[in-house]
């Protein structure tokens, strides 16, 4: 997937400014896919407009310069459908936490426990974000699918980390008593 396809995907939900697209990619329904900076979003929108895949109009703002509002065109919908009608590549998961756990023999149990606690906190926050999103209640079947998948993955991760934390605490208790 590329930023152009991501922008078309966001615009398939309704018109938006570049800023609103960035917010959707960072915090909204589209925050689970790829990262995109303003430096990649605006050139992508310019290209999409040049290819008549999106329209752009100026919207007046009180006390501010006009903002550009983008909307997907029927040609853009077709391009989006073509772009996502391929078998996706393998998901890439990168994690500093897992790197640390891989090399845990070089850190203290207290450091490991703190890392697990932070990871649990972050995962719980992600689960809360899914609940706040109300994606499962969204009339869009795709949003429900992504919500259910994300909840299952995060819940499994919380379960594993809770088990590992319990093991670590059990192992640390006899050492503390010695």
N, C-alpha and C. Protein backbone atom coordinates (compact mmCIF):
# COMPACT_ATOMS: atom_id res chain seq x y z
N UNK A 1 0.85 -1.17 0.00
CA UNK A 1 0.00 0.00 0.00
C UNK A 1 0.90 1.23 0.00
N UNK A 2 0.41 2.27 -0.64
CA UNK A 2 1.15 3.52 -0.67
C UNK A 2 0.27 4.67 -0.16
N UNK A 3 0.86 5.83 -0.02
CA UNK A 3 0.15 6.99 0.54
C UNK A 3 -1.01 7.40 -0.37
N UNK A 4 -0.83 7.29 -1.67
CA UNK A 4 -1.91 7.65 -2.60
C UNK A 4 -3.15 6.79 -2.31
N UNK A 5 -2.94 5.49 -2.19
CA UNK A 5 -4.07 4.58 -1.91
C UNK A 5 -4.67 4.89 -0.55
N UNK A 6 -3.83 5.17 0.42
CA UNK A 6 -4.33 5.52 1.75
C UNK A 6 -5.19 6.78 1.70
N UNK A 7 -4.74 7.80 0.97
CA UNK A 7 -5.53 9.04 0.83
C UNK A 7 -6.87 8.75 0.15
N UNK A 8 -6.86 7.95 -0.91
CA UNK A 8 -8.11 7.59 -1.56
C UNK A 8 -9.03 6.85 -0.60
N UNK A 9 -8.45 5.97 0.21
CA UNK A 9 -9.25 5.24 1.19
C UNK A 9 -9.91 6.17 2.19
N UNK A 10 -9.15 7.14 2.70
CA UNK A 10 -9.72 8.11 3.64
C UNK A 10 -10.83 8.90 2.96
N UNK A 11 -10.57 9.35 1.75
CA UNK A 11 -11.56 10.16 1.03
C UNK A 11 -12.79 9.35 0.62
N UNK A 12 -12.68 8.02 0.60
CA UNK A 12 -13.85 7.20 0.28
C UNK A 12 -14.91 7.32 1.36
N UNK A 13 -14.50 7.80 2.55
CA UNK A 13 -15.45 8.00 3.65
C UNK A 13 -16.07 9.39 3.63
N UNK A 14 -15.55 10.27 2.79
CA UNK A 14 -16.08 11.63 2.71
C UNK A 14 -14.97 12.62 2.44
N UNK A 15 -15.36 13.83 2.04
CA UNK A 15 -14.35 14.83 1.72
C UNK A 15 -13.58 15.25 2.97
N UNK A 16 -12.34 15.71 2.75
CA UNK A 16 -11.48 16.08 3.87
C UNK A 16 -10.36 16.98 3.38
N UNK A 17 -9.83 17.76 4.30
CA UNK A 17 -8.64 18.55 4.03
C UNK A 17 -7.41 17.67 4.26
N UNK A 18 -6.25 18.14 3.84
CA UNK A 18 -5.02 17.40 4.09
C UNK A 18 -4.81 17.18 5.58
N UNK A 19 -5.11 18.20 6.38
CA UNK A 19 -4.98 18.09 7.83
C UNK A 19 -5.91 17.00 8.36
N UNK A 20 -7.16 16.98 7.89
CA UNK A 20 -8.12 15.98 8.35
C UNK A 20 -7.71 14.58 7.92
N UNK A 21 -7.12 14.46 6.74
CA UNK A 21 -6.61 13.16 6.28
C UNK A 21 -5.50 12.70 7.22
N UNK A 22 -4.59 13.60 7.55
CA UNK A 22 -3.48 13.26 8.45
C UNK A 22 -4.03 12.81 9.81
N UNK A 23 -5.04 13.49 10.33
CA UNK A 23 -5.63 13.11 11.62
C UNK A 23 -6.26 11.71 11.55
N UNK A 24 -6.92 11.40 10.44
CA UNK A 24 -7.51 10.07 10.27
C UNK A 24 -6.43 8.99 10.25
N UNK A 25 -5.29 9.32 9.64
CA UNK A 25 -4.18 8.36 9.54
C UNK A 25 -3.50 8.20 10.89
N UNK A 26 -3.46 9.25 11.68
CA UNK A 26 -2.81 9.19 12.99
C UNK A 26 -3.70 8.64 14.09
N UNK A 27 -4.98 9.04 14.10
CA UNK A 27 -5.83 8.75 15.25
C UNK A 27 -7.16 8.10 14.90
N UNK A 28 -7.55 8.12 13.66
CA UNK A 28 -8.88 7.69 13.30
C UNK A 28 -8.94 6.26 12.79
N UNK A 29 -9.95 6.02 12.03
CA UNK A 29 -10.23 4.70 11.47
C UNK A 29 -9.05 4.17 10.65
N UNK A 30 -8.24 5.06 10.09
CA UNK A 30 -7.15 4.64 9.21
C UNK A 30 -5.81 4.61 9.93
N UNK A 31 -5.81 4.64 11.24
CA UNK A 31 -4.55 4.70 12.00
C UNK A 31 -3.86 3.35 12.15
N UNK A 32 -4.45 2.30 11.65
CA UNK A 32 -3.92 0.95 11.86
C UNK A 32 -3.13 0.42 10.67
N UNK A 33 -2.86 1.25 9.70
CA UNK A 33 -2.33 0.71 8.45
C UNK A 33 -0.90 1.16 8.17
N UNK A 34 -0.71 2.30 7.57
CA UNK A 34 0.64 2.79 7.34
C UNK A 34 0.75 4.21 7.85
N UNK A 35 1.96 4.62 8.16
CA UNK A 35 2.20 6.00 8.58
C UNK A 35 2.38 6.86 7.34
N UNK A 36 1.97 8.10 7.45
CA UNK A 36 2.15 9.05 6.35
C UNK A 36 2.32 10.44 6.95
N UNK A 37 3.31 11.14 6.46
CA UNK A 37 3.59 12.49 6.94
C UNK A 37 2.91 13.50 6.01
N UNK A 38 2.82 14.74 6.48
CA UNK A 38 2.31 15.80 5.61
C UNK A 38 3.16 15.88 4.35
N UNK A 39 4.46 15.63 4.50
CA UNK A 39 5.37 15.68 3.37
C UNK A 39 5.11 14.63 2.31
N UNK A 40 4.35 13.59 2.66
CA UNK A 40 3.96 12.60 1.66
C UNK A 40 2.48 12.72 1.28
N UNK A 41 1.65 13.21 2.19
CA UNK A 41 0.22 13.34 1.92
C UNK A 41 -0.05 14.42 0.87
N UNK A 42 0.51 15.60 1.05
CA UNK A 42 0.21 16.70 0.13
C UNK A 42 0.70 16.44 -1.29
N UNK A 43 1.90 15.90 -1.49
CA UNK A 43 2.28 15.55 -2.87
C UNK A 43 1.37 14.48 -3.48
N UNK A 44 0.96 13.52 -2.65
CA UNK A 44 0.05 12.48 -3.15
C UNK A 44 -1.28 13.10 -3.57
N UNK A 45 -1.81 14.02 -2.76
CA UNK A 45 -3.08 14.69 -3.11
C UNK A 45 -2.93 15.51 -4.39
N UNK A 46 -1.79 16.16 -4.56
CA UNK A 46 -1.54 16.93 -5.78
C UNK A 46 -1.53 16.01 -7.00
N UNK A 47 -0.86 14.87 -6.88
CA UNK A 47 -0.84 13.90 -7.98
C UNK A 47 -2.24 13.36 -8.26
N UNK A 48 -2.96 13.01 -7.21
CA UNK A 48 -4.31 12.48 -7.38
C UNK A 48 -5.22 13.49 -8.07
N UNK A 49 -5.09 14.76 -7.69
CA UNK A 49 -5.89 15.81 -8.34
C UNK A 49 -5.49 15.96 -9.80
N UNK A 50 -4.19 15.89 -10.08
CA UNK A 50 -3.71 15.99 -11.46
C UNK A 50 -4.19 14.87 -12.35
N UNK A 51 -4.48 13.74 -11.76
CA UNK A 51 -4.98 12.57 -12.50
C UNK A 51 -6.50 12.48 -12.45
N UNK A 52 -7.16 13.50 -11.93
CA UNK A 52 -8.62 13.55 -11.79
C UNK A 52 -9.18 12.41 -10.94
N UNK A 53 -8.38 11.95 -9.97
CA UNK A 53 -8.86 10.93 -9.04
C UNK A 53 -9.50 11.55 -7.81
N UNK A 54 -9.17 12.83 -7.58
CA UNK A 54 -9.82 13.62 -6.53
C UNK A 54 -10.08 15.01 -7.07
N UNK A 55 -11.08 15.65 -6.49
CA UNK A 55 -11.31 17.07 -6.78
C UNK A 55 -10.80 17.87 -5.59
N UNK A 56 -10.55 19.13 -5.82
CA UNK A 56 -10.11 20.00 -4.75
C UNK A 56 -10.86 21.31 -4.86
N UNK A 57 -11.32 21.79 -3.73
CA UNK A 57 -12.01 23.08 -3.71
C UNK A 57 -11.50 23.88 -2.51
N UNK A 58 -11.56 25.19 -2.64
CA UNK A 58 -11.15 26.07 -1.54
C UNK A 58 -12.34 26.30 -0.63
N UNK A 59 -12.10 26.22 0.66
CA UNK A 59 -13.15 26.48 1.64
C UNK A 59 -12.68 27.63 2.53
N UNK A 60 -13.51 28.66 2.59
CA UNK A 60 -13.17 29.83 3.40
C UNK A 60 -13.13 29.47 4.87
N UNK A 61 -12.18 30.12 5.58
CA UNK A 61 -12.07 29.97 7.03
C UNK A 61 -11.98 31.37 7.63
N UNK A 62 -12.63 31.57 8.71
CA UNK A 62 -12.63 32.87 9.36
C UNK A 62 -11.25 33.18 9.94
N UNK A 63 -10.65 34.25 9.48
CA UNK A 63 -9.37 34.70 10.01
C UNK A 63 -8.18 33.85 9.60
N UNK A 64 -8.38 32.93 8.68
CA UNK A 64 -7.30 32.05 8.23
C UNK A 64 -7.35 31.97 6.71
N UNK A 65 -6.26 31.51 6.12
CA UNK A 65 -6.30 31.29 4.67
C UNK A 65 -7.32 30.19 4.33
N UNK A 66 -7.82 30.21 3.12
CA UNK A 66 -8.73 29.16 2.67
C UNK A 66 -8.03 27.81 2.79
N UNK A 67 -8.80 26.79 3.13
CA UNK A 67 -8.21 25.45 3.16
C UNK A 67 -8.70 24.68 1.93
N UNK A 68 -7.86 23.76 1.49
CA UNK A 68 -8.21 22.91 0.36
C UNK A 68 -8.94 21.68 0.89
N UNK A 69 -10.09 21.41 0.29
CA UNK A 69 -10.88 20.26 0.67
C UNK A 69 -10.93 19.32 -0.54
N UNK A 70 -10.59 18.06 -0.28
CA UNK A 70 -10.48 17.06 -1.34
C UNK A 70 -11.66 16.10 -1.27
N UNK A 71 -12.07 15.61 -2.44
CA UNK A 71 -13.14 14.61 -2.53
C UNK A 71 -12.76 13.60 -3.61
N UNK A 72 -13.07 12.36 -3.38
CA UNK A 72 -12.76 11.32 -4.35
C UNK A 72 -13.75 11.39 -5.51
N UNK A 73 -13.27 11.16 -6.71
CA UNK A 73 -14.12 11.14 -7.90
C UNK A 73 -14.48 9.69 -8.24
N UNK A 74 -15.44 9.48 -9.14
CA UNK A 74 -15.73 8.10 -9.56
C UNK A 74 -14.48 7.41 -10.14
N UNK A 75 -13.68 8.16 -10.86
CA UNK A 75 -12.42 7.62 -11.39
C UNK A 75 -11.48 7.25 -10.23
N UNK A 76 -11.51 8.03 -9.16
CA UNK A 76 -10.72 7.73 -7.96
C UNK A 76 -11.21 6.48 -7.25
N UNK A 77 -12.52 6.30 -7.21
CA UNK A 77 -13.09 5.09 -6.61
C UNK A 77 -12.62 3.86 -7.38
N UNK A 78 -12.63 3.96 -8.71
CA UNK A 78 -12.15 2.84 -9.54
C UNK A 78 -10.67 2.57 -9.27
N UNK A 79 -9.87 3.63 -9.17
CA UNK A 79 -8.44 3.47 -8.90
C UNK A 79 -8.21 2.84 -7.53
N UNK A 80 -9.00 3.27 -6.54
CA UNK A 80 -8.90 2.68 -5.20
C UNK A 80 -9.21 1.19 -5.26
N UNK A 81 -10.30 0.85 -5.94
CA UNK A 81 -10.71 -0.56 -6.04
C UNK A 81 -9.61 -1.39 -6.71
N UNK A 82 -9.00 -0.86 -7.75
CA UNK A 82 -7.91 -1.58 -8.43
C UNK A 82 -6.71 -1.73 -7.51
N UNK A 83 -6.39 -0.69 -6.78
CA UNK A 83 -5.21 -0.71 -5.91
C UNK A 83 -5.33 -1.73 -4.78
N UNK A 84 -6.52 -1.93 -4.28
CA UNK A 84 -6.69 -2.85 -3.16
C UNK A 84 -7.17 -4.23 -3.59
N UNK A 85 -7.32 -4.44 -4.89
CA UNK A 85 -7.78 -5.73 -5.39
C UNK A 85 -6.61 -6.65 -5.70
N UNK A 86 -5.65 -6.66 -4.82
CA UNK A 86 -4.47 -7.53 -4.95
C UNK A 86 -4.27 -8.23 -3.61
N UNK A 87 -3.61 -9.35 -3.64
CA UNK A 87 -3.28 -10.02 -2.38
C UNK A 87 -2.24 -9.14 -1.67
N UNK A 88 -2.52 -8.74 -0.44
CA UNK A 88 -1.59 -7.83 0.25
C UNK A 88 -0.28 -8.53 0.60
N UNK A 89 0.74 -7.72 0.76
CA UNK A 89 2.02 -8.25 1.23
C UNK A 89 1.90 -8.68 2.67
N UNK A 90 2.92 -9.36 3.12
CA UNK A 90 2.95 -9.82 4.51
C UNK A 90 3.04 -8.62 5.44
N UNK A 91 2.29 -8.66 6.54
CA UNK A 91 2.37 -7.59 7.53
C UNK A 91 3.77 -7.55 8.12
N UNK A 92 4.23 -6.34 8.39
CA UNK A 92 5.54 -6.16 9.01
C UNK A 92 5.32 -5.64 10.41
N UNK A 93 5.90 -6.33 11.35
CA UNK A 93 5.76 -5.92 12.75
C UNK A 93 7.14 -5.69 13.32
N UNK A 94 7.40 -4.49 13.73
CA UNK A 94 8.68 -4.12 14.33
C UNK A 94 8.41 -3.69 15.77
N UNK A 95 9.23 -4.13 16.70
CA UNK A 95 8.96 -3.83 18.10
C UNK A 95 10.25 -3.72 18.89
N UNK A 96 10.48 -2.55 19.47
CA UNK A 96 11.61 -2.37 20.38
C UNK A 96 11.41 -3.24 21.63
N UNK A 97 10.17 -3.36 22.06
CA UNK A 97 9.86 -4.18 23.23
C UNK A 97 10.29 -5.63 22.99
N UNK A 98 9.93 -6.20 21.84
CA UNK A 98 10.30 -7.59 21.57
C UNK A 98 11.81 -7.76 21.43
N UNK A 99 12.48 -6.75 20.90
CA UNK A 99 13.95 -6.79 20.83
C UNK A 99 14.51 -6.88 22.25
N UNK A 100 13.99 -6.07 23.13
CA UNK A 100 14.43 -6.07 24.53
C UNK A 100 14.15 -7.44 25.17
N UNK A 101 13.00 -8.02 24.90
CA UNK A 101 12.66 -9.31 25.49
C UNK A 101 13.52 -10.42 24.90
N UNK A 102 13.89 -10.30 23.63
CA UNK A 102 14.77 -11.28 23.00
C UNK A 102 16.11 -11.34 23.74
N UNK A 103 16.59 -10.18 24.16
CA UNK A 103 17.90 -10.08 24.81
C UNK A 103 17.77 -9.84 26.31
N UNK A 104 16.74 -10.41 26.90
CA UNK A 104 16.43 -10.15 28.31
C UNK A 104 17.52 -10.60 29.27
N UNK A 105 18.39 -11.49 28.85
CA UNK A 105 19.46 -11.93 29.76
C UNK A 105 20.41 -10.79 30.12
N UNK A 106 20.35 -9.68 29.38
CA UNK A 106 21.23 -8.54 29.62
C UNK A 106 20.58 -7.44 30.45
N UNK A 107 19.34 -7.65 30.86
CA UNK A 107 18.66 -6.65 31.67
C UNK A 107 18.22 -7.26 32.99
N UNK A 108 17.97 -6.42 33.95
CA UNK A 108 17.54 -6.92 35.27
C UNK A 108 16.07 -7.31 35.21
N UNK A 109 15.65 -8.17 36.13
CA UNK A 109 14.23 -8.50 36.20
C UNK A 109 13.35 -7.26 36.42
N UNK A 110 13.86 -6.30 37.17
CA UNK A 110 13.09 -5.07 37.41
C UNK A 110 12.88 -4.29 36.12
N UNK A 111 13.92 -4.22 35.29
CA UNK A 111 13.81 -3.54 33.99
C UNK A 111 12.83 -4.29 33.09
N UNK A 112 12.93 -5.61 33.12
CA UNK A 112 12.03 -6.42 32.31
C UNK A 112 10.58 -6.23 32.77
N UNK A 113 10.37 -6.22 34.07
CA UNK A 113 9.02 -6.02 34.62
C UNK A 113 8.48 -4.64 34.22
N UNK A 114 9.33 -3.63 34.30
CA UNK A 114 8.90 -2.28 33.91
C UNK A 114 8.53 -2.23 32.43
N UNK A 115 9.31 -2.93 31.59
CA UNK A 115 9.02 -2.96 30.15
C UNK A 115 7.70 -3.68 29.88
N UNK A 116 7.47 -4.78 30.57
CA UNK A 116 6.21 -5.52 30.41
C UNK A 116 5.03 -4.66 30.86
N UNK A 117 5.19 -3.99 32.00
CA UNK A 117 4.12 -3.13 32.50
C UNK A 117 3.80 -2.01 31.51
N UNK A 118 4.83 -1.41 30.94
CA UNK A 118 4.60 -0.35 29.95
C UNK A 118 3.90 -0.91 28.71
N UNK A 119 4.34 -2.08 28.25
CA UNK A 119 3.72 -2.70 27.08
C UNK A 119 2.26 -3.03 27.37
N UNK A 120 1.98 -3.56 28.54
CA UNK A 120 0.60 -3.84 28.93
C UNK A 120 -0.24 -2.56 28.95
N UNK A 121 0.33 -1.51 29.50
CA UNK A 121 -0.37 -0.22 29.54
C UNK A 121 -0.68 0.25 28.12
N UNK A 122 0.31 0.17 27.23
CA UNK A 122 0.11 0.60 25.83
C UNK A 122 -0.94 -0.25 25.12
N UNK A 123 -0.89 -1.56 25.34
CA UNK A 123 -1.88 -2.45 24.71
C UNK A 123 -3.29 -2.17 25.23
N UNK A 124 -3.40 -1.94 26.54
CA UNK A 124 -4.71 -1.61 27.12
C UNK A 124 -5.22 -0.29 26.54
N UNK A 125 -4.32 0.67 26.34
CA UNK A 125 -4.72 1.95 25.73
C UNK A 125 -5.20 1.73 24.30
N UNK A 126 -4.52 0.86 23.58
CA UNK A 126 -4.95 0.55 22.21
C UNK A 126 -6.33 -0.12 22.21
N UNK A 127 -6.55 -1.03 23.15
CA UNK A 127 -7.87 -1.66 23.26
C UNK A 127 -8.95 -0.63 23.59
N UNK A 128 -8.62 0.29 24.48
CA UNK A 128 -9.58 1.35 24.83
C UNK A 128 -9.87 2.23 23.62
N UNK A 129 -8.85 2.49 22.82
CA UNK A 129 -9.06 3.29 21.60
C UNK A 129 -10.00 2.59 20.64
N UNK A 130 -9.87 1.27 20.53
CA UNK A 130 -10.79 0.52 19.67
C UNK A 130 -12.21 0.64 20.22
N UNK A 131 -12.36 0.52 21.54
CA UNK A 131 -13.68 0.65 22.15
C UNK A 131 -14.25 2.06 21.97
N UNK A 132 -13.40 3.07 22.13
CA UNK A 132 -13.83 4.47 21.95
C UNK A 132 -14.23 4.74 20.51
N UNK A 133 -13.56 4.08 19.59
CA UNK A 133 -13.82 4.26 18.16
C UNK A 133 -15.23 3.78 17.80
N UNK A 134 -15.73 2.85 18.55
CA UNK A 134 -17.04 2.27 18.28
C UNK A 134 -17.10 1.65 16.88
N UNK A 135 -15.94 1.17 16.41
CA UNK A 135 -15.88 0.57 15.07
C UNK A 135 -16.77 -0.66 14.96
N UNK A 136 -16.90 -1.39 16.06
CA UNK A 136 -17.73 -2.60 16.02
C UNK A 136 -19.20 -2.25 15.77
N UNK A 137 -19.59 -1.02 16.12
CA UNK A 137 -20.97 -0.59 15.90
C UNK A 137 -21.14 0.11 14.56
N UNK A 138 -20.03 0.34 13.88
CA UNK A 138 -20.05 1.06 12.60
C UNK A 138 -20.84 0.25 11.59
N UNK A 139 -21.68 0.89 10.80
CA UNK A 139 -22.48 0.15 9.83
C UNK A 139 -21.64 -0.44 8.70
N UNK A 140 -20.41 -0.02 8.61
CA UNK A 140 -19.49 -0.46 7.57
C UNK A 140 -18.86 -1.80 7.99
N UNK A 141 -19.10 -2.87 7.23
CA UNK A 141 -18.62 -4.20 7.59
C UNK A 141 -17.09 -4.22 7.72
N UNK A 142 -16.39 -3.47 6.90
CA UNK A 142 -14.94 -3.44 6.97
C UNK A 142 -14.44 -2.89 8.30
N UNK A 143 -15.10 -1.86 8.82
CA UNK A 143 -14.70 -1.29 10.10
C UNK A 143 -14.91 -2.30 11.22
N UNK A 144 -16.00 -3.04 11.17
CA UNK A 144 -16.25 -4.07 12.18
C UNK A 144 -15.20 -5.18 12.10
N UNK A 145 -14.83 -5.58 10.88
CA UNK A 145 -13.82 -6.62 10.68
C UNK A 145 -12.50 -6.19 11.30
N UNK A 146 -12.04 -4.97 10.97
CA UNK A 146 -10.77 -4.47 11.47
C UNK A 146 -10.81 -4.33 13.00
N UNK A 147 -11.91 -3.86 13.52
CA UNK A 147 -12.07 -3.72 14.97
C UNK A 147 -11.97 -5.09 15.65
N UNK A 148 -12.69 -6.06 15.14
CA UNK A 148 -12.68 -7.40 15.73
C UNK A 148 -11.29 -8.03 15.64
N UNK A 149 -10.63 -7.87 14.52
CA UNK A 149 -9.29 -8.43 14.33
C UNK A 149 -8.30 -7.77 15.30
N UNK A 150 -8.34 -6.45 15.36
CA UNK A 150 -7.44 -5.71 16.25
C UNK A 150 -7.67 -6.09 17.70
N UNK A 151 -8.92 -6.18 18.09
CA UNK A 151 -9.25 -6.56 19.47
C UNK A 151 -8.71 -7.96 19.78
N UNK A 152 -8.87 -8.90 18.84
CA UNK A 152 -8.39 -10.27 19.06
C UNK A 152 -6.87 -10.31 19.21
N UNK A 153 -6.15 -9.61 18.35
CA UNK A 153 -4.69 -9.59 18.40
C UNK A 153 -4.21 -8.95 19.70
N UNK A 154 -4.78 -7.80 20.04
CA UNK A 154 -4.36 -7.10 21.25
C UNK A 154 -4.71 -7.88 22.51
N UNK A 155 -5.87 -8.50 22.54
CA UNK A 155 -6.28 -9.29 23.70
C UNK A 155 -5.35 -10.48 23.88
N UNK A 156 -4.96 -11.12 22.78
CA UNK A 156 -4.02 -12.24 22.86
C UNK A 156 -2.67 -11.76 23.39
N UNK A 157 -2.21 -10.61 22.94
CA UNK A 157 -0.93 -10.06 23.41
C UNK A 157 -1.00 -9.76 24.90
N UNK A 158 -2.10 -9.17 25.36
CA UNK A 158 -2.27 -8.88 26.79
C UNK A 158 -2.24 -10.18 27.59
N UNK A 159 -2.88 -11.20 27.09
CA UNK A 159 -2.92 -12.49 27.78
C UNK A 159 -1.51 -13.07 27.92
N UNK A 160 -0.74 -13.06 26.84
CA UNK A 160 0.62 -13.60 26.88
C UNK A 160 1.48 -12.79 27.85
N UNK A 161 1.39 -11.47 27.76
CA UNK A 161 2.21 -10.64 28.65
C UNK A 161 1.83 -10.81 30.12
N UNK A 162 0.56 -11.00 30.38
CA UNK A 162 0.11 -11.22 31.75
C UNK A 162 0.70 -12.53 32.28
N UNK A 163 0.71 -13.58 31.44
CA UNK A 163 1.32 -14.86 31.83
C UNK A 163 2.81 -14.69 32.08
N UNK A 164 3.50 -14.00 31.17
CA UNK A 164 4.95 -13.81 31.30
C UNK A 164 5.28 -12.98 32.55
N UNK A 165 4.46 -12.00 32.84
CA UNK A 165 4.67 -11.18 34.04
C UNK A 165 4.52 -12.04 35.29
N UNK A 166 3.50 -12.89 35.31
CA UNK A 166 3.29 -13.79 36.44
C UNK A 166 4.48 -14.72 36.62
N UNK A 167 5.00 -15.28 35.51
CA UNK A 167 6.18 -16.15 35.57
C UNK A 167 7.38 -15.39 36.12
N UNK A 168 7.58 -14.17 35.63
CA UNK A 168 8.72 -13.36 36.07
C UNK A 168 8.61 -13.06 37.57
N UNK A 169 7.43 -12.70 38.01
CA UNK A 169 7.23 -12.41 39.44
C UNK A 169 7.45 -13.66 40.29
N UNK A 170 7.01 -14.79 39.80
CA UNK A 170 7.20 -16.05 40.52
C UNK A 170 8.68 -16.39 40.62
N UNK A 171 9.42 -16.18 39.53
CA UNK A 171 10.87 -16.46 39.53
C UNK A 171 11.63 -15.47 40.41
N UNK A 172 11.18 -14.24 40.45
CA UNK A 172 11.87 -13.21 41.22
C UNK A 172 11.64 -13.35 42.71
N UNK A 173 10.53 -13.88 43.11
CA UNK A 173 10.20 -14.00 44.54
C UNK A 173 11.18 -14.88 45.29
N UNK A 174 11.54 -16.10 44.79
CA UNK A 174 12.51 -16.91 45.52
C UNK A 174 13.88 -16.23 45.58
N UNK A 175 14.28 -15.52 44.53
CA UNK A 175 15.57 -14.85 44.53
C UNK A 175 15.58 -13.74 45.58
N UNK A 176 14.48 -13.06 45.72
CA UNK A 176 14.39 -11.96 46.70
C UNK A 176 14.46 -12.50 48.11
N UNK A 177 13.97 -13.72 48.32
CA UNK A 177 13.98 -14.32 49.66
C UNK A 177 15.36 -14.81 50.06
N UNK A 178 16.23 -15.08 49.09
CA UNK A 178 17.56 -15.63 49.39
C UNK A 178 18.46 -14.65 50.04
